[in-house]
Amino acid sequence: MKALVEVITKALVDNPESVVVTEKTEGKTIVLEVKVADSDMGKVIGKQGRIAKAIRSVVKAAAAKEDKKVIVDIA
């Protein structure tokens, strides 16, 4: 899951080297925290959060195959 979020996020931003994804596991739940440069925050969130919702939808679909719950936080 972490690699999937990294690939998607790095494709969206101008500074892909500043993308950091941390993974925390809590039982069946995985929390992925995405940190990007301040100048790229708008590109990751999108208008009215549409891109962020799309990222979460893709990750949720991938997680469903593995019977896990994944939460994506954009910091």
PDB file of N, CA and C in Angstrom:
ATOM      1  N   MET A   1       0.820  -1.195   0.000  1.00  0.00           N
ATOM      2  CA  MET A   1       0.000   0.000   0.000  1.00  0.00           C
ATOM      3  C   MET A   1       0.866   1.263   0.000  1.00  0.00           C
ATOM      4  N   LYS A   2       1.916   1.208   0.796  1.00  0.00           N
ATOM      5  CA  LYS A   2       2.796   2.375   0.898  1.00  0.00           C
ATOM      6  C   LYS A   2       3.394   2.730  -0.456  1.00  0.00           C
ATOM      7  N   ALA A   3       3.852   1.729  -1.185  1.00  0.00           N
ATOM      8  CA  ALA A   3       4.462   1.968  -2.497  1.00  0.00           C
ATOM      9  C   ALA A   3       3.441   2.530  -3.477  1.00  0.00           C
ATOM     10  N   LEU A   4       2.216   2.056  -3.410  1.00  0.00           N
ATOM     11  CA  LEU A   4       1.157   2.554  -4.288  1.00  0.00           C
ATOM     12  C   LEU A   4       0.907   4.034  -4.056  1.00  0.00           C
ATOM     13  N   VAL A   5       0.808   4.435  -2.803  1.00  0.00           N
ATOM     14  CA  VAL A   5       0.572   5.844  -2.471  1.00  0.00           C
ATOM     15  C   VAL A   5       1.767   6.692  -2.900  1.00  0.00           C
ATOM     16  N   GLU A   6       2.983   6.184  -2.713  1.00  0.00           N
ATOM     17  CA  GLU A   6       4.181   6.929  -3.126  1.00  0.00           C
ATOM     18  C   GLU A   6       4.192   7.178  -4.629  1.00  0.00           C
ATOM     19  N   VAL A   7       3.879   6.164  -5.410  1.00  0.00           N
ATOM     20  CA  VAL A   7       3.896   6.293  -6.870  1.00  0.00           C
ATOM     21  C   VAL A   7       2.854   7.310  -7.327  1.00  0.00           C
ATOM     22  N   ILE A   8       1.659   7.211  -6.794  1.00  0.00           N
ATOM     23  CA  ILE A   8       0.590   8.139  -7.188  1.00  0.00           C
ATOM     24  C   ILE A   8       0.953   9.573  -6.801  1.00  0.00           C
ATOM     25  N   THR A   9       1.411   9.756  -5.581  1.00  0.00           N
ATOM     26  CA  THR A   9       1.712  11.100  -5.087  1.00  0.00           C
ATOM     27  C   THR A   9       2.890  11.721  -5.827  1.00  0.00           C
ATOM     28  N   LYS A  10       3.940  10.951  -6.073  1.00  0.00           N
ATOM     29  CA  LYS A  10       5.110  11.480  -6.771  1.00  0.00           C
ATOM     30  C   LYS A  10       4.781  11.888  -8.199  1.00  0.00           C
ATOM     31  N   ALA A  11       3.798  11.228  -8.803  1.00  0.00           N
ATOM     32  CA  ALA A  11       3.396  11.589 -10.161  1.00  0.00           C
ATOM     33  C   ALA A  11       2.646  12.920 -10.194  1.00  0.00           C
ATOM     34  N   LEU A  12       2.066  13.311  -9.082  1.00  0.00           N
ATOM     35  CA  LEU A  12       1.252  14.527  -9.035  1.00  0.00           C
ATOM     36  C   LEU A  12       2.042  15.798  -8.735  1.00  0.00           C
ATOM     37  N   VAL A  13       3.129  15.687  -7.989  1.00  0.00           N
ATOM     38  CA  VAL A  13       3.809  16.862  -7.450  1.00  0.00           C
ATOM     39  C   VAL A  13       4.971  17.326  -8.326  1.00  0.00           C
ATOM     40  N   ASP A  14       5.422  18.570  -8.059  1.00  0.00           N
ATOM     41  CA  ASP A  14       6.578  19.126  -8.765  1.00  0.00           C
ATOM     42  C   ASP A  14       7.890  18.686  -8.122  1.00  0.00           C
ATOM     43  N   ASN A  15       7.865  18.413  -6.810  1.00  0.00           N
ATOM     44  CA  ASN A  15       9.062  17.999  -6.071  1.00  0.00           C
ATOM     45  C   ASN A  15       8.886  16.569  -5.550  1.00  0.00           C
ATOM     46  N   PRO A  16       9.053  15.567  -6.413  1.00  0.00           N
ATOM     47  CA  PRO A  16       8.815  14.190  -5.950  1.00  0.00           C
ATOM     48  C   PRO A  16       9.788  13.726  -4.865  1.00  0.00           C
ATOM     49  N   GLU A  17      10.957  14.352  -4.790  1.00  0.00           N
ATOM     50  CA  GLU A  17      11.912  13.942  -3.749  1.00  0.00           C
ATOM     51  C   GLU A  17      11.463  14.368  -2.355  1.00  0.00           C
ATOM     52  N   SER A  18      10.509  15.287  -2.253  1.00  0.00           N
ATOM     53  CA  SER A  18      10.035  15.742  -0.946  1.00  0.00           C
ATOM     54  C   SER A  18       8.863  14.919  -0.424  1.00  0.00           C
ATOM     55  N   VAL A  19       8.405  13.938  -1.200  1.00  0.00           N
ATOM     56  CA  VAL A  19       7.277  13.103  -0.780  1.00  0.00           C
ATOM     57  C   VAL A  19       7.767  12.057   0.219  1.00  0.00           C
ATOM     58  N   VAL A  20       7.104  12.015   1.383  1.00  0.00           N
ATOM     59  CA  VAL A  20       7.435  11.035   2.414  1.00  0.00           C
ATOM     60  C   VAL A  20       6.140  10.350   2.843  1.00  0.00           C
ATOM     61  N   VAL A  21       6.119   9.032   2.775  1.00  0.00           N
ATOM     62  CA  VAL A  21       4.957   8.263   3.195  1.00  0.00           C
ATOM     63  C   VAL A  21       5.378   7.373   4.358  1.00  0.00           C
ATOM     64  N   THR A  22       4.703   7.532   5.500  1.00  0.00           N
ATOM     65  CA  THR A  22       4.994   6.691   6.658  1.00  0.00           C
ATOM     66  C   THR A  22       3.810   5.765   6.895  1.00  0.00           C
ATOM     67  N   GLU A  23       4.107   4.561   7.346  1.00  0.00           N
ATOM     68  CA  GLU A  23       3.082   3.542   7.536  1.00  0.00           C
ATOM     69  C   GLU A  23       3.049   3.102   8.992  1.00  0.00           C
ATOM     70  N   LYS A  24       1.848   3.116   9.575  1.00  0.00           N
ATOM     71  CA  LYS A  24       1.654   2.639  10.942  1.00  0.00           C
ATOM     72  C   LYS A  24       0.593   1.555  10.896  1.00  0.00           C
ATOM     73  N   THR A  25       0.844   0.430  11.541  1.00  0.00           N
ATOM     74  CA  THR A  25      -0.113  -0.666  11.560  1.00  0.00           C
ATOM     75  C   THR A  25      -0.748  -0.771  12.934  1.00  0.00           C
ATOM     76  N   GLU A  26      -2.083  -0.808  12.932  1.00  0.00           N
ATOM     77  CA  GLU A  26      -2.840  -0.960  14.177  1.00  0.00           C
ATOM     78  C   GLU A  26      -3.859  -2.071  13.975  1.00  0.00           C
ATOM     79  N   GLY A  27      -3.468  -3.299  14.237  1.00  0.00           N
ATOM     80  CA  GLY A  27      -4.356  -4.437  14.013  1.00  0.00           C
ATOM     81  C   GLY A  27      -4.550  -4.662  12.525  1.00  0.00           C
ATOM     82  N   LYS A  28      -5.811  -4.642  12.071  1.00  0.00           N
ATOM     83  CA  LYS A  28      -6.105  -4.798  10.643  1.00  0.00           C
ATOM     84  C   LYS A  28      -6.104  -3.458   9.925  1.00  0.00           C
ATOM     85  N   THR A  29      -5.893  -2.383  10.659  1.00  0.00           N
ATOM     86  CA  THR A  29      -5.919  -1.048  10.068  1.00  0.00           C
ATOM     87  C   THR A  29      -4.506  -0.544   9.823  1.00  0.00           C
ATOM     88  N   ILE A  30      -4.289  -0.014   8.631  1.00  0.00           N
ATOM     89  CA  ILE A  30      -3.004   0.578   8.272  1.00  0.00           C
ATOM     90  C   ILE A  30      -3.238   2.074   8.052  1.00  0.00           C
ATOM     91  N   VAL A  31      -2.433   2.896   8.713  1.00  0.00           N
ATOM     92  CA  VAL A  31      -2.526   4.337   8.541  1.00  0.00           C
ATOM     93  C   VAL A  31      -1.320   4.794   7.729  1.00  0.00           C
ATOM     94  N   LEU A  32      -1.583   5.400   6.585  1.00  0.00           N
ATOM     95  CA  LEU A  32      -0.531   5.933   5.728  1.00  0.00           C
ATOM     96  C   LEU A  32      -0.567   7.448   5.814  1.00  0.00           C
ATOM     97  N   GLU A  33       0.536   8.033   6.266  1.00  0.00           N
ATOM     98  CA  GLU A  33       0.620   9.489   6.383  1.00  0.00           C
ATOM     99  C   GLU A  33       1.510  10.007   5.254  1.00  0.00           C
ATOM    100  N   VAL A  34       0.951  10.898   4.452  1.00  0.00           N
ATOM    101  CA  VAL A  34       1.646  11.440   3.289  1.00  0.00           C
ATOM    102  C   VAL A  34       2.062  12.870   3.599  1.00  0.00           C
ATOM    103  N   LYS A  35       3.351  13.143   3.451  1.00  0.00           N
ATOM    104  CA  LYS A  35       3.872  14.501   3.637  1.00  0.00           C
ATOM    105  C   LYS A  35       4.480  14.960   2.324  1.00  0.00           C
ATOM    106  N   VAL A  36       4.090  16.165   1.900  1.00  0.00           N
ATOM    107  CA  VAL A  36       4.621  16.752   0.670  1.00  0.00           C
ATOM    108  C   VAL A  36       5.057  18.181   0.967  1.00  0.00           C
ATOM    109  N   ALA A  37       5.766  18.786   0.023  1.00  0.00           N
ATOM    110  CA  ALA A  37       6.180  20.177   0.183  1.00  0.00           C
ATOM    111  C   ALA A  37       4.930  21.064   0.217  1.00  0.00           C
ATOM    112  N   ASP A  38       5.026  22.181   0.925  1.00  0.00           N
ATOM    113  CA  ASP A  38       3.890  23.095   1.054  1.00  0.00           C
ATOM    114  C   ASP A  38       3.393  23.571  -0.307  1.00  0.00           C
ATOM    115  N   SER A  39       4.304  23.781  -1.232  1.00  0.00           N
ATOM    116  CA  SER A  39       3.908  24.257  -2.562  1.00  0.00           C
ATOM    117  C   SER A  39       3.147  23.201  -3.356  1.00  0.00           C
ATOM    118  N   ASP A  40       3.284  21.933  -2.989  1.00  0.00           N
ATOM    119  CA  ASP A  40       2.609  20.847  -3.696  1.00  0.00           C
ATOM    120  C   ASP A  40       1.327  20.373  -3.015  1.00  0.00           C
ATOM    121  N   MET A  41       1.002  20.956  -1.869  1.00  0.00           N
ATOM    122  CA  MET A  41      -0.152  20.500  -1.103  1.00  0.00           C
ATOM    123  C   MET A  41      -1.443  20.589  -1.917  1.00  0.00           C
ATOM    124  N   GLY A  42      -1.620  21.680  -2.641  1.00  0.00           N
ATOM    125  CA  GLY A  42      -2.832  21.865  -3.431  1.00  0.00           C
ATOM    126  C   GLY A  42      -2.974  20.844  -4.547  1.00  0.00           C
ATOM    127  N   LYS A  43      -1.852  20.409  -5.097  1.00  0.00           N
ATOM    128  CA  LYS A  43      -1.883  19.427  -6.179  1.00  0.00           C
ATOM    129  C   LYS A  43      -2.297  18.051  -5.674  1.00  0.00           C
ATOM    130  N   VAL A  44      -1.949  17.749  -4.448  1.00  0.00           N
ATOM    131  CA  VAL A  44      -2.293  16.444  -3.879  1.00  0.00           C
ATOM    132  C   VAL A  44      -3.746  16.431  -3.391  1.00  0.00           C
ATOM    133  N   ILE A  45      -4.194  17.554  -2.853  1.00  0.00           N
ATOM    134  CA  ILE A  45      -5.566  17.619  -2.344  1.00  0.00           C
ATOM    135  C   ILE A  45      -6.559  17.850  -3.486  1.00  0.00           C
ATOM    136  N   GLY A  46      -6.255  18.772  -4.383  1.00  0.00           N
ATOM    137  CA  GLY A  46      -7.136  19.054  -5.505  1.00  0.00           C
ATOM    138  C   GLY A  46      -8.296  19.952  -5.121  1.00  0.00           C
ATOM    139  N   LYS A  47      -9.034  20.382  -6.112  1.00  0.00           N
ATOM    140  CA  LYS A  47     -10.194  21.244  -5.859  1.00  0.00           C
ATOM    141  C   LYS A  47     -11.252  20.462  -5.096  1.00  0.00           C
ATOM    142  N   GLN A  48     -11.663  21.009  -3.981  1.00  0.00           N
ATOM    143  CA  GLN A  48     -12.661  20.407  -3.089  1.00  0.00           C
ATOM    144  C   GLN A  48     -12.277  18.996  -2.660  1.00  0.00           C
ATOM    145  N   GLY A  49     -10.978  18.710  -2.644  1.00  0.00           N
ATOM    146  CA  GLY A  49     -10.489  17.422  -2.160  1.00  0.00           C
ATOM    147  C   GLY A  49     -10.700  16.263  -3.106  1.00  0.00           C
ATOM    148  N   ARG A  50     -10.949  16.549  -4.380  1.00  0.00           N
ATOM    149  CA  ARG A  50     -11.258  15.480  -5.332  1.00  0.00           C
ATOM    150  C   ARG A  50     -10.091  14.528  -5.561  1.00  0.00           C
ATOM    151  N   ILE A  51      -8.884  15.055  -5.673  1.00  0.00           N
ATOM    152  CA  ILE A  51      -7.724  14.179  -5.914  1.00  0.00           C
ATOM    153  C   ILE A  51      -7.444  13.335  -4.675  1.00  0.00           C
ATOM    154  N   ALA A  52      -7.556  13.937  -3.497  1.00  0.00           N
ATOM    155  CA  ALA A  52      -7.355  13.188  -2.252  1.00  0.00           C
ATOM    156  C   ALA A  52      -8.377  12.056  -2.143  1.00  0.00           C
ATOM    157  N   LYS A  53      -9.624  12.335  -2.504  1.00  0.00           N
ATOM    158  CA  LYS A  53     -10.665  11.296  -2.470  1.00  0.00           C
ATOM    159  C   LYS A  53     -10.350  10.187  -3.461  1.00  0.00           C
ATOM    160  N   ALA A  54      -9.831  10.552  -4.632  1.00  0.00           N
ATOM    161  CA  ALA A  54      -9.490   9.557  -5.644  1.00  0.00           C
ATOM    162  C   ALA A  54      -8.355   8.662  -5.164  1.00  0.00           C
ATOM    163  N   ILE A  55      -7.354   9.264  -4.532  1.00  0.00           N
ATOM    164  CA  ILE A  55      -6.239   8.470  -3.989  1.00  0.00           C
ATOM    165  C   ILE A  55      -6.768   7.491  -2.950  1.00  0.00           C
ATOM    166  N   ARG A  56      -7.634   7.983  -2.066  1.00  0.00           N
ATOM    167  CA  ARG A  56      -8.197   7.117  -1.025  1.00  0.00           C
ATOM    168  C   ARG A  56      -9.026   5.991  -1.632  1.00  0.00           C
ATOM    169  N   SER A  57      -9.762   6.273  -2.696  1.00  0.00           N
ATOM    170  CA  SER A  57     -10.588   5.245  -3.348  1.00  0.00           C
ATOM    171  C   SER A  57      -9.730   4.142  -3.955  1.00  0.00           C
ATOM    172  N   VAL A  58      -8.647   4.524  -4.626  1.00  0.00           N
ATOM    173  CA  VAL A  58      -7.753   3.536  -5.225  1.00  0.00           C
ATOM    174  C   VAL A  58      -7.112   2.665  -4.150  1.00  0.00           C
ATOM    175  N   VAL A  59      -6.661   3.292  -3.075  1.00  0.00           N
ATOM    176  CA  VAL A  59      -6.015   2.545  -1.992  1.00  0.00           C
ATOM    177  C   VAL A  59      -7.032   1.640  -1.297  1.00  0.00           C
ATOM    178  N   LYS A  60      -8.251   2.130  -1.124  1.00  0.00           N
ATOM    179  CA  LYS A  60      -9.291   1.323  -0.482  1.00  0.00           C
ATOM    180  C   LYS A  60      -9.598   0.081  -1.314  1.00  0.00           C
ATOM    181  N   ALA A  61      -9.649   0.240  -2.634  1.00  0.00           N
ATOM    182  CA  ALA A  61      -9.902  -0.908  -3.509  1.00  0.00           C
ATOM    183  C   ALA A  61      -8.767  -1.927  -3.432  1.00  0.00           C
ATOM    184  N   ALA A  62      -7.536  -1.446  -3.397  1.00  0.00           N
ATOM    185  CA  ALA A  62      -6.384  -2.352  -3.280  1.00  0.00           C
ATOM    186  C   ALA A  62      -6.371  -3.042  -1.922  1.00  0.00           C
ATOM    187  N   ALA A  63      -6.778  -2.332  -0.887  1.00  0.00           N
ATOM    188  CA  ALA A  63      -6.782  -2.903   0.460  1.00  0.00           C
ATOM    189  C   ALA A  63      -7.888  -3.947   0.619  1.00  0.00           C
ATOM    190  N   ALA A  64      -8.985  -3.764  -0.092  1.00  0.00           N
ATOM    191  CA  ALA A  64     -10.091  -4.719   0.000  1.00  0.00           C
ATOM    192  C   ALA A  64      -9.664  -6.108  -0.471  1.00  0.00           C
ATOM    193  N   LYS A  65      -8.768  -6.158  -1.442  1.00  0.00           N
ATOM    194  CA  LYS A  65      -8.260  -7.445  -1.924  1.00  0.00           C
ATOM    195  C   LYS A  65      -7.500  -8.184  -0.825  1.00  0.00           C
ATOM    196  N   GLU A  66      -6.839  -7.426   0.043  1.00  0.00           N
ATOM    197  CA  GLU A  66      -6.036  -8.032   1.110  1.00  0.00           C
ATOM    198  C   GLU A  66      -6.785  -8.101   2.433  1.00  0.00           C
ATOM    199  N   ASP A  67      -8.089  -7.745   2.412  1.00  0.00           N
ATOM    200  CA  ASP A  67      -8.939  -7.768   3.613  1.00  0.00           C
ATOM    201  C   ASP A  67      -8.361  -6.898   4.729  1.00  0.00           C
ATOM    202  N   LYS A  68      -7.947  -5.697   4.376  1.00  0.00           N
ATOM    203  CA  LYS A  68      -7.403  -4.747   5.346  1.00  0.00           C
ATOM    204  C   LYS A  68      -8.109  -3.416   5.191  1.00  0.00           C
ATOM    205  N   LYS A  69      -7.999  -2.583   6.208  1.00  0.00           N
ATOM    206  CA  LYS A  69      -8.550  -1.230   6.146  1.00  0.00           C
ATOM    207  C   LYS A  69      -7.364  -0.263   6.128  1.00  0.00           C
ATOM    208  N   VAL A  70      -7.381   0.658   5.164  1.00  0.00           N
ATOM    209  CA  VAL A  70      -6.281   1.599   5.029  1.00  0.00           C
ATOM    210  C   VAL A  70      -6.839   3.012   5.135  1.00  0.00           C
ATOM    211  N   ILE A  71      -6.189   3.821   5.960  1.00  0.00           N
ATOM    212  CA  ILE A  71      -6.540   5.228   6.112  1.00  0.00           C
ATOM    213  C   ILE A  71      -5.380   6.052   5.549  1.00  0.00           C
ATOM    214  N   VAL A  72      -5.691   6.981   4.654  1.00  0.00           N
ATOM    215  CA  VAL A  72      -4.659   7.840   4.053  1.00  0.00           C
ATOM    216  C   VAL A  72      -4.820   9.238   4.624  1.00  0.00           C
ATOM    217  N   ASP A  73      -3.800   9.707   5.337  1.00  0.00           N
ATOM    218  CA  ASP A  73      -3.769  11.068   5.897  1.00  0.00           C
ATOM    219  C   ASP A  73      -2.802  11.894   5.092  1.00  0.00           C
ATOM    220  N   ILE A  74      -3.239  13.080   4.679  1.00  0.00           N
ATOM    221  CA  ILE A  74      -2.352  13.979   3.961  1.00  0.00           C
ATOM    222  C   ILE A  74      -1.979  15.095   4.923  1.00  0.00           C
ATOM    223  N   ALA A  75      -0.682  15.166   5.254  1.00  0.00           N
ATOM    224  CA  ALA A  75      -0.230  16.142   6.249  1.00  0.00           C
ATOM    225  C   ALA A  75       0.511  17.278   5.563  1.00  0.00           C
TER     226      ALA A  75
END
